[in-house]
Amino acid sequence: MKFKLTPILIVLSILELFLLFMSINYLFIDNNGGNALGGTIAFFGLIIFFFILLIEQLIIISIKIPIKFIWIIESIVLLISIIYVYYNGISIG
């Protein structure tokens, strides 16, 4: 399967690398107290991001949409997400 380069692929790939290093560090190197839990959560985030990328690429490959249209839509979604997180922060409750 050949991946098509999209903004979400770029952003999530960078985040996956960060989560991979974070999970390895907190699970195997610095695993005292709550750090092991942080490494486990980072590993779960890594798996979730991988499945999101896989589903996104399968949709893009199966539906023949021009790549410029995909770039426009995904760039708008990422910008709106960044603005939302900037103003509201990240919280779970």
PDB file of N, CA and C in Angstrom:
ATOM      1  N   MET A   1       0.851  -1.175   0.000  1.00  0.00           N
ATOM      2  CA  MET A   1       0.000   0.000   0.000  1.00  0.00           C
ATOM      3  C   MET A   1       0.896   1.238   0.000  1.00  0.00           C
ATOM      4  N   LYS A   2       0.677   2.123  -0.949  1.00  0.00           N
ATOM      5  CA  LYS A   2       1.458   3.344  -1.048  1.00  0.00           C
ATOM      6  C   LYS A   2       0.701   4.469  -0.354  1.00  0.00           C
ATOM      7  N   PHE A   3       1.363   5.104   0.614  1.00  0.00           N
ATOM      8  CA  PHE A   3       0.732   6.189   1.349  1.00  0.00           C
ATOM      9  C   PHE A   3       0.748   7.458   0.521  1.00  0.00           C
ATOM     10  N   LYS A   4      -0.333   8.220   0.624  1.00  0.00           N
ATOM     11  CA  LYS A   4      -0.384   9.537  -0.001  1.00  0.00           C
ATOM     12  C   LYS A   4      -0.070  10.572   1.070  1.00  0.00           C
ATOM     13  N   LEU A   5       0.778  11.508   0.720  1.00  0.00           N
ATOM     14  CA  LEU A   5       1.216  12.518   1.665  1.00  0.00           C
ATOM     15  C   LEU A   5       0.100  13.521   1.916  1.00  0.00           C
ATOM     16  N   THR A   6      -0.318  13.622   3.178  1.00  0.00           N
ATOM     17  CA  THR A   6      -1.366  14.556   3.584  1.00  0.00           C
ATOM     18  C   THR A   6      -0.910  15.293   4.842  1.00  0.00           C
ATOM     19  N   PRO A   7      -1.547  16.416   5.177  1.00  0.00           N
ATOM     20  CA  PRO A   7      -1.162  17.135   6.395  1.00  0.00           C
ATOM     21  C   PRO A   7      -1.342  16.307   7.667  1.00  0.00           C
ATOM     22  N   ILE A   8      -2.419  15.529   7.737  1.00  0.00           N
ATOM     23  CA  ILE A   8      -2.644  14.712   8.929  1.00  0.00           C
ATOM     24  C   ILE A   8      -1.584  13.617   9.025  1.00  0.00           C
ATOM     25  N   LEU A   9      -1.164  13.072   7.903  1.00  0.00           N
ATOM     26  CA  LEU A   9      -0.094  12.072   7.912  1.00  0.00           C
ATOM     27  C   LEU A   9       1.194  12.678   8.456  1.00  0.00           C
ATOM     28  N   ILE A  10       1.511  13.891   8.051  1.00  0.00           N
ATOM     29  CA  ILE A  10       2.733  14.550   8.514  1.00  0.00           C
ATOM     30  C   ILE A  10       2.665  14.821  10.014  1.00  0.00           C
ATOM     31  N   VAL A  11       1.566  15.415  10.474  1.00  0.00           N
ATOM     32  CA  VAL A  11       1.435  15.786  11.888  1.00  0.00           C
ATOM     33  C   VAL A  11       1.399  14.545  12.773  1.00  0.00           C
ATOM     34  N   LEU A  12       0.590  13.560  12.416  1.00  0.00           N
ATOM     35  CA  LEU A  12       0.487  12.367  13.252  1.00  0.00           C
ATOM     36  C   LEU A  12       1.764  11.531  13.208  1.00  0.00           C
ATOM     37  N   SER A  13       2.511  11.571  12.127  1.00  0.00           N
ATOM     38  CA  SER A  13       3.790  10.853  12.084  1.00  0.00           C
ATOM     39  C   SER A  13       4.789  11.474  13.051  1.00  0.00           C
ATOM     40  N   ILE A  14       4.813  12.790  13.112  1.00  0.00           N
ATOM     41  CA  ILE A  14       5.689  13.467  14.072  1.00  0.00           C
ATOM     42  C   ILE A  14       5.253  13.155  15.495  1.00  0.00           C
ATOM     43  N   LEU A  15       3.944  13.185  15.751  1.00  0.00           N
ATOM     44  CA  LEU A  15       3.445  12.851  17.083  1.00  0.00           C
ATOM     45  C   LEU A  15       3.693  11.386  17.430  1.00  0.00           C
ATOM     46  N   GLU A  16       3.622  10.498  16.448  1.00  0.00           N
ATOM     47  CA  GLU A  16       3.905   9.085  16.706  1.00  0.00           C
ATOM     48  C   GLU A  16       5.366   8.881  17.098  1.00  0.00           C
ATOM     49  N   LEU A  17       6.280   9.573  16.453  1.00  0.00           N
ATOM     50  CA  LEU A  17       7.685   9.471  16.850  1.00  0.00           C
ATOM     51  C   LEU A  17       7.883   9.963  18.277  1.00  0.00           C
ATOM     52  N   PHE A  18       7.248  11.088  18.610  1.00  0.00           N
ATOM     53  CA  PHE A  18       7.335  11.623  19.967  1.00  0.00           C
ATOM     54  C   PHE A  18       6.764  10.630  20.978  1.00  0.00           C
ATOM     55  N   LEU A  19       5.599  10.054  20.680  1.00  0.00           N
ATOM     56  CA  LEU A  19       4.983   9.094  21.595  1.00  0.00           C
ATOM     57  C   LEU A  19       5.808   7.814  21.704  1.00  0.00           C
ATOM     58  N   LEU A  20       6.452   7.401  20.621  1.00  0.00           N
ATOM     59  CA  LEU A  20       7.293   6.207  20.669  1.00  0.00           C
ATOM     60  C   LEU A  20       8.468   6.414  21.623  1.00  0.00           C
ATOM     61  N   PHE A  21       9.172   7.532  21.487  1.00  0.00           N
ATOM     62  CA  PHE A  21      10.294   7.814  22.376  1.00  0.00           C
ATOM     63  C   PHE A  21       9.823   7.991  23.814  1.00  0.00           C
ATOM     64  N   MET A  22       8.683   8.644  23.993  1.00  0.00           N
ATOM     65  CA  MET A  22       8.151   8.865  25.333  1.00  0.00           C
ATOM     66  C   MET A  22       7.758   7.541  25.989  1.00  0.00           C
ATOM     67  N   SER A  23       7.092   6.670  25.247  1.00  0.00           N
ATOM     68  CA  SER A  23       6.671   5.398  25.838  1.00  0.00           C
ATOM     69  C   SER A  23       7.870   4.505  26.150  1.00  0.00           C
ATOM     70  N   ILE A  24       8.876   4.482  25.274  1.00  0.00           N
ATOM     71  CA  ILE A  24      10.072   3.681  25.562  1.00  0.00           C
ATOM     72  C   ILE A  24      10.787   4.223  26.792  1.00  0.00           C
ATOM     73  N   ASN A  25      10.908   5.536  26.894  1.00  0.00           N
ATOM     74  CA  ASN A  25      11.584   6.136  28.036  1.00  0.00           C
ATOM     75  C   ASN A  25      10.846   5.835  29.334  1.00  0.00           C
ATOM     76  N   TYR A  26       9.531   6.055  29.355  1.00  0.00           N
ATOM     77  CA  TYR A  26       8.789   5.898  30.600  1.00  0.00           C
ATOM     78  C   TYR A  26       8.486   4.445  30.948  1.00  0.00           C
ATOM     79  N   LEU A  27       8.469   3.545  29.974  1.00  0.00           N
ATOM     80  CA  LEU A  27       8.199   2.140  30.283  1.00  0.00           C
ATOM     81  C   LEU A  27       9.463   1.364  30.643  1.00  0.00           C
ATOM     82  N   PHE A  28      10.588   1.681  30.021  1.00  0.00           N
ATOM     83  CA  PHE A  28      11.775   0.857  30.210  1.00  0.00           C
ATOM     84  C   PHE A  28      12.923   1.562  30.926  1.00  0.00           C
ATOM     85  N   ILE A  29      13.058   2.856  30.805  1.00  0.00           N
ATOM     86  CA  ILE A  29      14.222   3.546  31.358  1.00  0.00           C
ATOM     87  C   ILE A  29      13.885   4.213  32.690  1.00  0.00           C
ATOM     88  N   ASP A  30      12.860   5.044  32.705  1.00  0.00           N
ATOM     89  CA  ASP A  30      12.517   5.835  33.890  1.00  0.00           C
ATOM     90  C   ASP A  30      11.122   5.438  34.370  1.00  0.00           C
ATOM     91  N   ASN A  31      10.983   4.192  34.817  1.00  0.00           N
ATOM     92  CA  ASN A  31       9.651   3.681  35.127  1.00  0.00           C
ATOM     93  C   ASN A  31       9.381   3.613  36.626  1.00  0.00           C
ATOM     94  N   ASN A  32       9.490   4.726  37.311  1.00  0.00           N
ATOM     95  CA  ASN A  32       9.162   4.735  38.731  1.00  0.00           C
ATOM     96  C   ASN A  32       7.896   5.558  38.958  1.00  0.00           C
ATOM     97  N   GLY A  33       7.050   5.066  39.816  1.00  0.00           N
ATOM     98  CA  GLY A  33       5.835   5.801  40.170  1.00  0.00           C
ATOM     99  C   GLY A  33       4.885   5.969  39.008  1.00  0.00           C
ATOM    100  N   GLY A  34       4.459   7.201  38.795  1.00  0.00           N
ATOM    101  CA  GLY A  34       3.484   7.490  37.753  1.00  0.00           C
ATOM    102  C   GLY A  34       4.065   7.525  36.353  1.00  0.00           C
ATOM    103  N   ASN A  35       5.385   7.470  36.234  1.00  0.00           N
ATOM    104  CA  ASN A  35       5.986   7.505  34.897  1.00  0.00           C
ATOM    105  C   ASN A  35       5.643   6.267  34.084  1.00  0.00           C
ATOM    106  N   ALA A  36       5.524   5.116  34.748  1.00  0.00           N
ATOM    107  CA  ALA A  36       5.152   3.898  34.022  1.00  0.00           C
ATOM    108  C   ALA A  36       3.739   4.025  33.468  1.00  0.00           C
ATOM    109  N   LEU A  37       2.851   4.655  34.231  1.00  0.00           N
ATOM    110  CA  LEU A  37       1.491   4.892  33.736  1.00  0.00           C
ATOM    111  C   LEU A  37       1.523   5.854  32.551  1.00  0.00           C
ATOM    112  N   GLY A  38       2.357   6.881  32.629  1.00  0.00           N
ATOM    113  CA  GLY A  38       2.500   7.806  31.507  1.00  0.00           C
ATOM    114  C   GLY A  38       3.034   7.116  30.266  1.00  0.00           C
ATOM    115  N   GLY A  39       3.965   6.196  30.434  1.00  0.00           N
ATOM    116  CA  GLY A  39       4.479   5.436  29.299  1.00  0.00           C
ATOM    117  C   GLY A  39       3.428   4.529  28.693  1.00  0.00           C
ATOM    118  N   THR A  40       2.584   3.943  29.545  1.00  0.00           N
ATOM    119  CA  THR A  40       1.505   3.090  29.044  1.00  0.00           C
ATOM    120  C   THR A  40       0.484   3.905  28.269  1.00  0.00           C
ATOM    121  N   ILE A  41       0.123   5.057  28.789  1.00  0.00           N
ATOM    122  CA  ILE A  41      -0.828   5.932  28.092  1.00  0.00           C
ATOM    123  C   ILE A  41      -0.234   6.412  26.769  1.00  0.00           C
ATOM    124  N   ALA A  42       1.051   6.742  26.766  1.00  0.00           N
ATOM    125  CA  ALA A  42       1.709   7.155  25.517  1.00  0.00           C
ATOM    126  C   ALA A  42       1.715   6.014  24.505  1.00  0.00           C
ATOM    127  N   PHE A  43       1.906   4.783  24.975  1.00  0.00           N
ATOM    128  CA  PHE A  43       1.886   3.637  24.065  1.00  0.00           C
ATOM    129  C   PHE A  43       0.493   3.431  23.481  1.00  0.00           C
ATOM    130  N   PHE A  44      -0.546   3.579  24.308  1.00  0.00           N
ATOM    131  CA  PHE A  44      -1.917   3.478  23.795  1.00  0.00           C
ATOM    132  C   PHE A  44      -2.201   4.586  22.781  1.00  0.00           C
ATOM    133  N   GLY A  45      -1.712   5.800  23.045  1.00  0.00           N
ATOM    134  CA  GLY A  45      -1.860   6.888  22.086  1.00  0.00           C
ATOM    135  C   GLY A  45      -1.158   6.588  20.779  1.00  0.00           C
ATOM    136  N   LEU A  46      -0.001   5.950  20.854  1.00  0.00           N
ATOM    137  CA  LEU A  46       0.731   5.540  19.654  1.00  0.00           C
ATOM    138  C   LEU A  46      -0.095   4.570  18.817  1.00  0.00           C
ATOM    139  N   ILE A  47      -0.720   3.602  19.476  1.00  0.00           N
ATOM    140  CA  ILE A  47      -1.546   2.624  18.762  1.00  0.00           C
ATOM    141  C   ILE A  47      -2.769   3.299  18.148  1.00  0.00           C
ATOM    142  N   ILE A  48      -3.412   4.196  18.886  1.00  0.00           N
ATOM    143  CA  ILE A  48      -4.601   4.893  18.375  1.00  0.00           C
ATOM    144  C   ILE A  48      -4.237   5.754  17.171  1.00  0.00           C
ATOM    145  N   PHE A  49      -3.125   6.496  17.249  1.00  0.00           N
ATOM    146  CA  PHE A  49      -2.694   7.316  16.114  1.00  0.00           C
ATOM    147  C   PHE A  49      -2.380   6.458  14.895  1.00  0.00           C
ATOM    148  N   PHE A  50      -1.795   5.277  15.124  1.00  0.00           N
ATOM    149  CA  PHE A  50      -1.498   4.387  14.007  1.00  0.00           C
ATOM    150  C   PHE A  50      -2.783   3.956  13.301  1.00  0.00           C
ATOM    151  N   PHE A  51      -3.807   3.602  14.074  1.00  0.00           N
ATOM    152  CA  PHE A  51      -5.068   3.193  13.461  1.00  0.00           C
ATOM    153  C   PHE A  51      -5.767   4.360  12.761  1.00  0.00           C
ATOM    154  N   ILE A  52      -5.664   5.562  13.316  1.00  0.00           N
ATOM    155  CA  ILE A  52      -6.237   6.737  12.653  1.00  0.00           C
ATOM    156  C   ILE A  52      -5.554   6.962  11.304  1.00  0.00           C
ATOM    157  N   LEU A  53      -4.232   6.857  11.278  1.00  0.00           N
ATOM    158  CA  LEU A  53      -3.504   7.014  10.011  1.00  0.00           C
ATOM    159  C   LEU A  53      -3.866   5.929   9.014  1.00  0.00           C
ATOM    160  N   LEU A  54      -4.000   4.703   9.495  1.00  0.00           N
ATOM    161  CA  LEU A  54      -4.347   3.599   8.605  1.00  0.00           C
ATOM    162  C   LEU A  54      -5.728   3.800   7.996  1.00  0.00           C
ATOM    163  N   ILE A  55      -6.700   4.177   8.817  1.00  0.00           N
ATOM    164  CA  ILE A  55      -8.062   4.405   8.318  1.00  0.00           C
ATOM    165  C   ILE A  55      -8.086   5.578   7.344  1.00  0.00           C
ATOM    166  N   GLU A  56      -7.363   6.653   7.681  1.00  0.00           N
ATOM    167  CA  GLU A  56      -7.332   7.814   6.789  1.00  0.00           C
ATOM    168  C   GLU A  56      -6.744   7.453   5.427  1.00  0.00           C
ATOM    169  N   GLN A  57      -5.657   6.710   5.428  1.00  0.00           N
ATOM    170  CA  GLN A  57      -5.028   6.336   4.161  1.00  0.00           C
ATOM    171  C   GLN A  57      -5.896   5.368   3.362  1.00  0.00           C
ATOM    172  N   LEU A  58      -6.584   4.454   4.038  1.00  0.00           N
ATOM    173  CA  LEU A  58      -7.488   3.544   3.331  1.00  0.00           C
ATOM    174  C   LEU A  58      -8.641   4.300   2.679  1.00  0.00           C
ATOM    175  N   ILE A  59      -9.173   5.302   3.382  1.00  0.00           N
ATOM    176  CA  ILE A  59     -10.257   6.112   2.810  1.00  0.00           C
ATOM    177  C   ILE A  59      -9.751   6.897   1.602  1.00  0.00           C
ATOM    178  N   ILE A  60      -8.575   7.495   1.722  1.00  0.00           N
ATOM    179  CA  ILE A  60      -8.031   8.294   0.621  1.00  0.00           C
ATOM    180  C   ILE A  60      -7.740   7.423  -0.602  1.00  0.00           C
ATOM    181  N   ILE A  61      -7.223   6.221  -0.375  1.00  0.00           N
ATOM    182  CA  ILE A  61      -6.910   5.339  -1.502  1.00  0.00           C
ATOM    183  C   ILE A  61      -8.179   4.796  -2.147  1.00  0.00           C
ATOM    184  N   SER A  62      -9.190   4.467  -1.341  1.00  0.00           N
ATOM    185  CA  SER A  62     -10.402   3.860  -1.905  1.00  0.00           C
ATOM    186  C   SER A  62     -11.295   4.878  -2.613  1.00  0.00           C
ATOM    187  N   ILE A  63     -11.337   6.105  -2.121  1.00  0.00           N
ATOM    188  CA  ILE A  63     -12.155   7.147  -2.751  1.00  0.00           C
ATOM    189  C   ILE A  63     -11.220   8.026  -3.571  1.00  0.00           C
ATOM    190  N   LYS A  64     -11.484   8.149  -4.824  1.00  0.00           N
ATOM    191  CA  LYS A  64     -10.608   8.910  -5.720  1.00  0.00           C
ATOM    192  C   LYS A  64     -10.946  10.399  -5.646  1.00  0.00           C
ATOM    193  N   ILE A  65     -10.338  11.070  -4.676  1.00  0.00           N
ATOM    194  CA  ILE A  65     -10.509  12.509  -4.501  1.00  0.00           C
ATOM    195  C   ILE A  65      -9.184  13.166  -4.882  1.00  0.00           C
ATOM    196  N   PRO A  66      -9.222  14.297  -5.564  1.00  0.00           N
ATOM    197  CA  PRO A  66      -7.962  14.986  -5.901  1.00  0.00           C
ATOM    198  C   PRO A  66      -7.173  15.353  -4.639  1.00  0.00           C
ATOM    199  N   ILE A  67      -5.872  15.176  -4.701  1.00  0.00           N
ATOM    200  CA  ILE A  67      -5.026  15.382  -3.532  1.00  0.00           C
ATOM    201  C   ILE A  67      -5.019  16.843  -3.081  1.00  0.00           C
ATOM    202  N   LYS A  68      -5.216  17.783  -3.998  1.00  0.00           N
ATOM    203  CA  LYS A  68      -5.276  19.203  -3.615  1.00  0.00           C
ATOM    204  C   LYS A  68      -6.485  19.475  -2.728  1.00  0.00           C
ATOM    205  N   PHE A  69      -7.611  18.849  -3.044  1.00  0.00           N
ATOM    206  CA  PHE A  69      -8.820  19.013  -2.234  1.00  0.00           C
ATOM    207  C   PHE A  69      -8.601  18.436  -0.832  1.00  0.00           C
ATOM    208  N   ILE A  70      -7.937  17.300  -0.759  1.00  0.00           N
ATOM    209  CA  ILE A  70      -7.644  16.685   0.541  1.00  0.00           C
ATOM    210  C   ILE A  70      -6.724  17.589   1.357  1.00  0.00           C
ATOM    211  N   TRP A  71      -5.715  18.175   0.715  1.00  0.00           N
ATOM    212  CA  TRP A  71      -4.807  19.083   1.415  1.00  0.00           C
ATOM    213  C   TRP A  71      -5.554  20.297   1.961  1.00  0.00           C
ATOM    214  N   ILE A  72      -6.455  20.857   1.192  1.00  0.00           N
ATOM    215  CA  ILE A  72      -7.210  22.032   1.645  1.00  0.00           C
ATOM    216  C   ILE A  72      -8.073  21.678   2.847  1.00  0.00           C
ATOM    217  N   ILE A  73      -8.834  20.595   2.747  1.00  0.00           N
ATOM    218  CA  ILE A  73      -9.735  20.204   3.833  1.00  0.00           C
ATOM    219  C   ILE A  73      -8.950  19.856   5.100  1.00  0.00           C
ATOM    220  N   GLU A  74      -7.904  19.057   4.981  1.00  0.00           N
ATOM    221  CA  GLU A  74      -7.143  18.658   6.162  1.00  0.00           C
ATOM    222  C   GLU A  74      -6.381  19.831   6.772  1.00  0.00           C
ATOM    223  N   SER A  75      -5.910  20.760   5.956  1.00  0.00           N
ATOM    224  CA  SER A  75      -5.237  21.946   6.500  1.00  0.00           C
ATOM    225  C   SER A  75      -6.209  22.801   7.295  1.00  0.00           C
ATOM    226  N   ILE A  76      -7.421  22.955   6.788  1.00  0.00           N
ATOM    227  CA  ILE A  76      -8.439  23.721   7.513  1.00  0.00           C
ATOM    228  C   ILE A  76      -8.782  23.040   8.832  1.00  0.00           C
ATOM    229  N   VAL A  77      -8.943  21.723   8.811  1.00  0.00           N
ATOM    230  CA  VAL A  77      -9.262  20.980  10.037  1.00  0.00           C
ATOM    231  C   VAL A  77      -8.130  21.108  11.055  1.00  0.00           C
ATOM    232  N   LEU A  78      -6.888  21.003  10.619  1.00  0.00           N
ATOM    233  CA  LEU A  78      -5.759  21.138  11.539  1.00  0.00           C
ATOM    234  C   LEU A  78      -5.659  22.552  12.105  1.00  0.00           C
ATOM    235  N   LEU A  79      -5.881  23.569  11.281  1.00  0.00           N
ATOM    236  CA  LEU A  79      -5.838  24.948  11.780  1.00  0.00           C
ATOM    237  C   LEU A  79      -6.941  25.211  12.799  1.00  0.00           C
ATOM    238  N   ILE A  80      -8.137  24.722  12.527  1.00  0.00           N
ATOM    239  CA  ILE A  80      -9.237  24.892  13.479  1.00  0.00           C
ATOM    240  C   ILE A  80      -8.923  24.160  14.783  1.00  0.00           C
ATOM    241  N   SER A  81      -8.332  22.980  14.695  1.00  0.00           N
ATOM    242  CA  SER A  81      -7.964  22.227  15.897  1.00  0.00           C
ATOM    243  C   SER A  81      -6.904  22.964  16.708  1.00  0.00           C
ATOM    244  N   ILE A  82      -5.925  23.540  16.038  1.00  0.00           N
ATOM    245  CA  ILE A  82      -4.874  24.284  16.734  1.00  0.00           C
ATOM    246  C   ILE A  82      -5.449  25.523  17.410  1.00  0.00           C
ATOM    247  N   ILE A  83      -6.319  26.234  16.729  1.00  0.00           N
ATOM    248  CA  ILE A  83      -6.945  27.423  17.322  1.00  0.00           C
ATOM    249  C   ILE A  83      -7.799  27.039  18.523  1.00  0.00           C
ATOM    250  N   TYR A  84      -8.548  25.940  18.418  1.00  0.00           N
ATOM    251  CA  TYR A  84      -9.380  25.486  19.534  1.00  0.00           C
ATOM    252  C   TYR A  84      -8.529  25.133  20.753  1.00  0.00           C
ATOM    253  N   VAL A  85      -7.442  24.386  20.534  1.00  0.00           N
ATOM    254  CA  VAL A  85      -6.578  24.007  21.650  1.00  0.00           C
ATOM    255  C   VAL A  85      -5.883  25.232  22.225  1.00  0.00           C
ATOM    256  N   TYR A  86      -5.538  26.200  21.398  1.00  0.00           N
ATOM    257  CA  TYR A  86      -4.894  27.418  21.883  1.00  0.00           C
ATOM    258  C   TYR A  86      -5.817  28.189  22.826  1.00  0.00           C
ATOM    259  N   TYR A  87      -7.074  28.324  22.459  1.00  0.00           N
ATOM    260  CA  TYR A  87      -8.000  29.097  23.278  1.00  0.00           C
ATOM    261  C   TYR A  87      -8.562  28.311  24.462  1.00  0.00           C
ATOM    262  N   ASN A  88      -8.789  27.016  24.317  1.00  0.00           N
ATOM    263  CA  ASN A  88      -9.453  26.246  25.365  1.00  0.00           C
ATOM    264  C   ASN A  88      -8.536  25.291  26.113  1.00  0.00           C
ATOM    265  N   GLY A  89      -7.396  24.987  25.574  1.00  0.00           N
ATOM    266  CA  GLY A  89      -6.499  24.038  26.214  1.00  0.00           C
ATOM    267  C   GLY A  89      -6.962  22.607  25.997  1.00  0.00           C
ATOM    268  N   ILE A  90      -6.205  21.692  26.563  1.00  0.00           N
ATOM    269  CA  ILE A  90      -6.549  20.274  26.464  1.00  0.00           C
ATOM    270  C   ILE A  90      -6.987  19.821  27.845  1.00  0.00           C
ATOM    271  N   SER A  91      -8.212  19.357  27.948  1.00  0.00           N
ATOM    272  CA  SER A  91      -8.705  18.847  29.224  1.00  0.00           C
ATOM    273  C   SER A  91      -9.615  17.659  28.977  1.00  0.00           C
ATOM    274  N   ILE A  92      -9.777  16.844  29.998  1.00  0.00           N
ATOM    275  CA  ILE A  92     -10.595  15.645  29.867  1.00  0.00           C
ATOM    276  C   ILE A  92     -11.941  15.843  30.543  1.00  0.00           C
ATOM    277  N   GLY A  93     -12.222  16.899  31.152  1.00  0.00           N
ATOM    278  CA  GLY A  93     -13.502  16.968  31.823  1.00  0.00           C
ATOM    279  C   GLY A  93     -14.160  18.235  31.767  1.00  0.00           C
TER     280      GLY A  93
END
